[in-house]
Protein backbone atom coordinates (compact mmCIF):
# COMPACT_ATOMS: atom_id res chain seq x y z
CA MET A 1 28.25 -5.35 -10.51
CA THR A 2 31.48 -5.42 -8.48
CA PHE A 3 30.89 -1.83 -7.33
CA GLY A 4 27.13 -2.22 -6.87
CA ILE A 5 26.34 -0.22 -10.02
CA LEU A 6 23.31 -1.43 -11.97
CA ALA A 7 23.74 -0.82 -15.70
CA PRO A 8 20.70 -0.26 -17.96
CA THR A 9 21.78 -3.29 -20.00
CA ARG A 10 21.34 -5.50 -16.93
CA LEU A 11 17.85 -4.09 -16.39
CA LEU A 12 16.96 -4.74 -20.02
CA GLU A 13 18.08 -8.36 -19.63
CA LEU A 14 15.61 -8.75 -16.75
CA LEU A 15 12.75 -7.61 -18.99
CA ASN A 16 13.22 -10.58 -21.31
CA PRO A 17 10.01 -12.68 -21.12
CA THR A 18 12.11 -15.84 -21.35
CA HIS A 19 13.77 -15.08 -18.00
CA PRO A 20 13.21 -18.16 -15.77
CA LEU A 21 11.50 -16.16 -13.01
CA LEU A 22 9.09 -14.47 -15.42
CA LYS A 23 8.29 -17.85 -16.99
CA LYS A 24 7.69 -19.21 -13.49
CA LEU A 25 5.31 -16.33 -12.74
CA LEU A 26 3.42 -16.81 -16.01
CA VAL A 27 2.99 -20.57 -15.58
CA GLU A 28 2.31 -20.75 -11.83
CA ALA A 29 0.40 -17.49 -11.28
CA PRO A 30 -0.89 -16.21 -14.64
CA GLY A 31 -3.27 -13.69 -13.08
CA THR A 32 -0.42 -12.19 -11.08
CA TYR A 33 1.72 -12.10 -14.21
CA HIS A 34 -0.91 -10.03 -16.02
CA HIS A 35 -1.30 -7.77 -12.97
CA SER A 36 2.47 -7.24 -12.86
CA MET A 37 2.61 -6.24 -16.52
CA MET A 38 -0.16 -3.68 -15.93
CA VAL A 39 1.60 -2.31 -12.86
CA ALA A 40 4.83 -2.06 -14.87
CA ASN A 41 3.14 0.09 -17.53
CA LEU A 42 1.62 2.36 -14.90
CA ALA A 43 4.84 2.60 -12.88
CA GLU A 44 7.10 3.42 -15.81
CA THR A 45 4.81 6.19 -17.08
CA ALA A 46 4.32 7.64 -13.60
CA CYS A 47 8.06 7.63 -12.87
CA GLU A 48 8.76 9.49 -16.09
CA ALA A 49 6.15 12.08 -15.04
CA ILE A 50 8.02 12.88 -11.81
CA GLY A 51 11.59 12.45 -13.05
CA ALA A 52 12.24 9.06 -11.43
CA ASP A 53 13.79 6.01 -13.13
CA GLY A 54 11.09 4.54 -15.36
CA LEU A 55 13.16 1.57 -16.51
CA LEU A 56 14.00 0.56 -12.95
CA ALA A 57 10.34 0.86 -11.97
CA ARG A 58 9.26 -1.32 -14.89
CA VAL A 59 11.71 -4.07 -13.95
CA GLY A 60 10.81 -3.81 -10.26
CA ALA A 61 7.13 -4.11 -11.12
CA TYR A 62 7.74 -7.23 -13.21
CA TYR A 63 9.15 -9.03 -10.17
CA HIS A 64 7.42 -7.32 -7.23
CA ASP A 65 4.81 -10.06 -6.68
CA LEU A 66 6.96 -13.10 -7.45
CA GLY A 67 6.31 -14.38 -3.92
CA LYS A 68 2.72 -15.14 -4.89
CA THR A 69 3.98 -18.16 -6.84
CA ARG A 70 4.38 -19.95 -3.49
CA ARG A 71 0.58 -19.97 -2.91
CA PRO A 72 -0.99 -18.56 -6.09
CA LEU A 73 -4.59 -19.62 -5.43
CA TYR A 74 -4.75 -17.51 -2.26
CA PHE A 75 -4.64 -14.35 -4.38
CA ILE A 76 -7.83 -13.24 -6.09
CA GLU A 77 -6.32 -12.62 -9.53
CA ASN A 78 -5.43 -16.34 -9.77
CA GLN A 79 -8.73 -17.72 -8.50
CA HIS A 80 -11.45 -19.24 -10.65
CA GLY A 81 -14.53 -19.36 -8.45
CA LEU A 82 -13.01 -21.24 -5.50
CA ASN A 83 -11.59 -19.08 -2.69
CA PRO A 84 -9.46 -20.98 -0.14
CA HIS A 85 -9.84 -18.09 2.33
CA ASP A 86 -13.43 -19.19 2.87
CA ARG A 87 -12.04 -22.08 4.94
CA LEU A 88 -9.56 -20.02 6.96
CA LYS A 89 -9.74 -17.72 9.95
CA PRO A 90 -8.90 -14.05 9.20
CA GLU A 91 -5.62 -14.40 11.07
CA GLU A 92 -4.61 -17.41 8.97
CA SER A 93 -5.54 -15.64 5.74
CA ALA A 94 -3.54 -12.60 6.77
CA ARG A 95 -0.42 -14.69 7.44
CA VAL A 96 -0.60 -16.18 3.93
CA ILE A 97 -1.10 -12.81 2.21
CA LEU A 98 1.51 -10.97 4.30
CA ALA A 99 4.10 -13.67 3.60
CA HIS A 100 4.23 -13.00 -0.14
CA THR A 101 6.72 -10.12 0.20
CA ASP A 102 9.17 -12.22 2.23
CA ASP A 103 8.64 -15.17 -0.12
CA GLY A 104 9.42 -12.91 -3.07
CA VAL A 105 12.57 -11.57 -1.45
CA GLU A 106 13.75 -15.13 -0.82
CA LEU A 107 13.16 -16.20 -4.43
CA LEU A 108 14.83 -13.09 -5.86
CA GLU A 109 17.87 -13.42 -3.61
CA GLU A 110 18.21 -17.10 -4.52
CA ALA A 111 18.23 -16.08 -8.19
CA LYS A 112 20.81 -13.36 -7.40
CA LEU A 113 18.78 -10.50 -8.81
CA PRO A 114 20.11 -6.96 -8.15
CA SER A 115 19.51 -5.66 -4.64
CA VAL A 116 17.45 -2.70 -5.89
CA ILE A 117 14.91 -5.12 -7.39
CA VAL A 118 14.86 -7.15 -4.18
CA ASP A 119 14.29 -3.93 -2.20
CA ILE A 120 11.29 -2.98 -4.34
CA CYS A 121 9.77 -6.39 -3.65
CA ARG A 122 10.42 -6.00 0.07
CA GLU A 123 9.08 -2.43 0.29
CA HIS A 124 6.15 -2.30 -2.13
CA HIS A 125 3.57 -2.72 0.64
CA GLY A 126 5.55 -0.82 3.26
CA THR A 127 3.89 -1.32 6.63
CA SER A 128 0.37 -1.14 5.18
CA LEU A 129 -2.59 -2.65 6.97
CA LEU A 130 -4.32 -5.66 5.42
CA ARG A 131 -7.62 -3.93 6.06
CA TYR A 132 -10.11 -6.50 4.76
CA PHE A 133 -8.95 -9.33 7.03
CA TYR A 134 -8.28 -6.95 9.94
CA VAL A 135 -11.88 -5.69 9.90
CA LYS A 136 -13.13 -9.26 9.52
CA ALA A 137 -11.09 -10.34 12.55
CA THR A 138 -12.25 -7.40 14.71
CA GLU A 139 -15.84 -8.47 14.09
CA GLN A 140 -15.01 -11.77 15.78
CA GLY A 141 -13.13 -10.37 18.77
CA GLU A 142 -10.16 -8.31 19.92
CA VAL A 143 -7.03 -8.54 17.76
CA ASP A 144 -3.59 -6.95 17.50
CA GLU A 145 -3.41 -4.61 14.50
CA ALA A 146 0.33 -5.38 14.13
CA ASP A 147 -0.58 -8.94 13.12
CA PHE A 148 -2.33 -7.54 10.04
CA ARG A 149 0.41 -5.18 8.86
CA TYR A 150 3.26 -5.89 6.46
CA THR A 151 6.65 -5.89 8.15
CA GLY A 152 8.08 -3.26 5.80
CA PRO A 153 10.21 -1.29 5.60
CA LYS A 154 8.33 1.61 4.05
CA PRO A 155 9.47 2.55 0.54
CA GLN A 156 13.03 3.87 0.58
CA SER A 157 13.13 4.97 -3.07
CA ARG A 158 10.82 6.95 -5.32
CA GLU A 159 10.47 3.95 -7.62
CA ALA A 160 9.33 1.69 -4.75
CA ALA A 161 6.84 4.36 -3.66
CA VAL A 162 5.44 4.66 -7.18
CA ILE A 163 5.00 0.90 -7.41
CA MET A 164 3.24 0.91 -4.02
CA ILE A 165 0.74 3.48 -5.32
CA VAL A 166 0.04 2.04 -8.77
CA ASP A 167 -0.05 -1.55 -7.44
CA SER A 168 -2.98 -0.61 -5.19
CA ILE A 169 -4.62 1.45 -7.92
CA GLU A 170 -4.47 -1.31 -10.55
CA ALA A 171 -5.92 -3.91 -8.19
CA ALA A 172 -8.72 -1.58 -7.05
CA VAL A 173 -9.68 -0.46 -10.56
CA ARG A 174 -9.67 -4.07 -11.78
CA SER A 175 -12.28 -4.89 -9.13
CA MET A 176 -14.63 -2.12 -10.31
CA LYS A 177 -17.73 -3.48 -12.06
CA ALA A 178 -18.12 -0.59 -14.49
CA PRO A 179 -15.06 1.69 -14.38
CA THR A 180 -15.60 5.23 -15.62
CA GLU A 181 -13.17 8.12 -15.81
CA THR A 182 -14.82 9.89 -12.85
CA GLY A 183 -15.01 6.67 -10.84
CA ILE A 184 -11.33 5.92 -11.44
CA GLN A 185 -10.32 9.45 -10.40
CA GLU A 186 -12.27 9.26 -7.14
CA LEU A 187 -10.87 5.82 -6.34
CA VAL A 188 -7.29 6.96 -7.01
CA LYS A 189 -7.71 9.99 -4.74
CA LYS A 190 -9.08 7.74 -1.98
CA ILE A 191 -6.15 5.32 -2.22
CA ILE A 192 -3.59 8.13 -2.12
CA ARG A 193 -5.28 9.81 0.85
CA GLU A 194 -5.28 6.54 2.79
CA LYS A 195 -1.57 5.95 2.16
CA LEU A 196 -0.68 9.51 3.11
CA LEU A 197 -2.68 9.23 6.34
CA ASP A 198 -0.93 5.92 7.03
CA ASP A 199 2.44 7.72 6.65
CA GLN A 200 3.76 5.28 4.04
CA PHE A 201 5.96 7.82 2.22
CA SER A 202 7.86 9.27 5.16
CA GLU A 203 11.14 7.47 4.39
CA CYS A 204 11.55 8.27 0.69
CA ASP A 205 12.20 11.42 -1.33
CA MET A 206 8.61 11.93 -2.52
CA THR A 207 6.81 15.24 -2.21
CA THR A 208 3.03 15.40 -1.85
CA ARG A 209 2.95 16.96 -5.31
CA ASP A 210 4.90 14.00 -6.73
CA ILE A 211 2.47 11.57 -5.11
CA TYR A 212 -0.56 13.25 -6.65
CA ARG A 213 1.17 13.45 -10.03
CA VAL A 214 1.64 9.68 -9.86
CA GLY A 215 -2.11 9.39 -9.29
CA GLU A 216 -2.87 11.70 -12.21
CA SER A 217 -0.59 9.67 -14.48
CA ALA A 218 -2.30 6.43 -13.43
CA CYS A 219 -5.74 7.95 -14.04
CA HIS A 220 -4.72 9.04 -17.52
CA THR A 221 -3.35 5.60 -18.42
CA LEU A 222 -6.24 3.65 -16.93
CA SER A 223 -8.90 5.88 -18.43
CA GLY A 224 -7.52 4.96 -21.84
CA LEU A 225 -7.68 1.26 -21.01
CA PHE A 226 -11.07 1.23 -19.28
CA HIS A 227 -12.83 3.83 -21.40
CA GLU A 228 -16.61 3.87 -21.39
CA ARG A 229 -17.94 1.57 -24.07
CA ILE A 230 -20.52 2.78 -26.57
CA GLU A 231 -23.95 1.29 -25.99
CA TYR A 232 -25.21 -0.07 -29.28
CA PRO A 233 -28.97 -0.18 -29.91
CA GLU A 234 -30.49 -3.59 -29.32
CA LEU A 235 -30.81 -5.48 -32.58
CA LYS A 236 -33.91 -7.33 -33.61
CA LYS A 237 -33.63 -11.11 -33.75
CA GLU A 238 -33.82 -11.19 -37.57
CA GLU A 239 -30.91 -8.70 -37.82
CA LEU A 240 -28.65 -11.15 -35.93
CA THR A 241 -29.14 -13.94 -38.46
């Protein structure tokens, strides 16, 4: 630690589910906790597919959304029917959502987590546009696009870039009503195209081939989790008794 070297043993310590920050995430934002575990699985597998550090990606994914514990109910995975954004202007909603990266950085630095983990939290959205609330705001009048973008920086490491990709993929696939293998593949391609067009990978050592291999890895993993269910023939009432 004195020389800024992060040993694998330190990373393994951070994976312990009894770590105070992970317990905080589980108790205060259980939906985000589950999302983070899914992202960790996707990120580790994808990193191994492109020769990046899978263990670092897994740990980074565990903590990347810790900032959501500040206002958990403003994030869809923690909501149960009631959406507080219904009472807010798009600009107000955007400020709450955009703040979760800075909130996470603050919590991680207070807990003295390694800087590489803090950086993943800071960079996992890059300078992406919060499109939903931006479009909603433009329908009501003229707005500044910069007010609806994360402050960044863009991912500086391959691991942060992988987490950016699979974080978006997991959230998008989870929102699908009836995910199929073909549907997942098309959605993943769309997400990757959008991030490439938005120039989110220009500051890290990721080739276009690497980026698409990350998408292929995520498709393979998710297809196994959201496989098409067999439709059983409808049973007669007497067969159910």
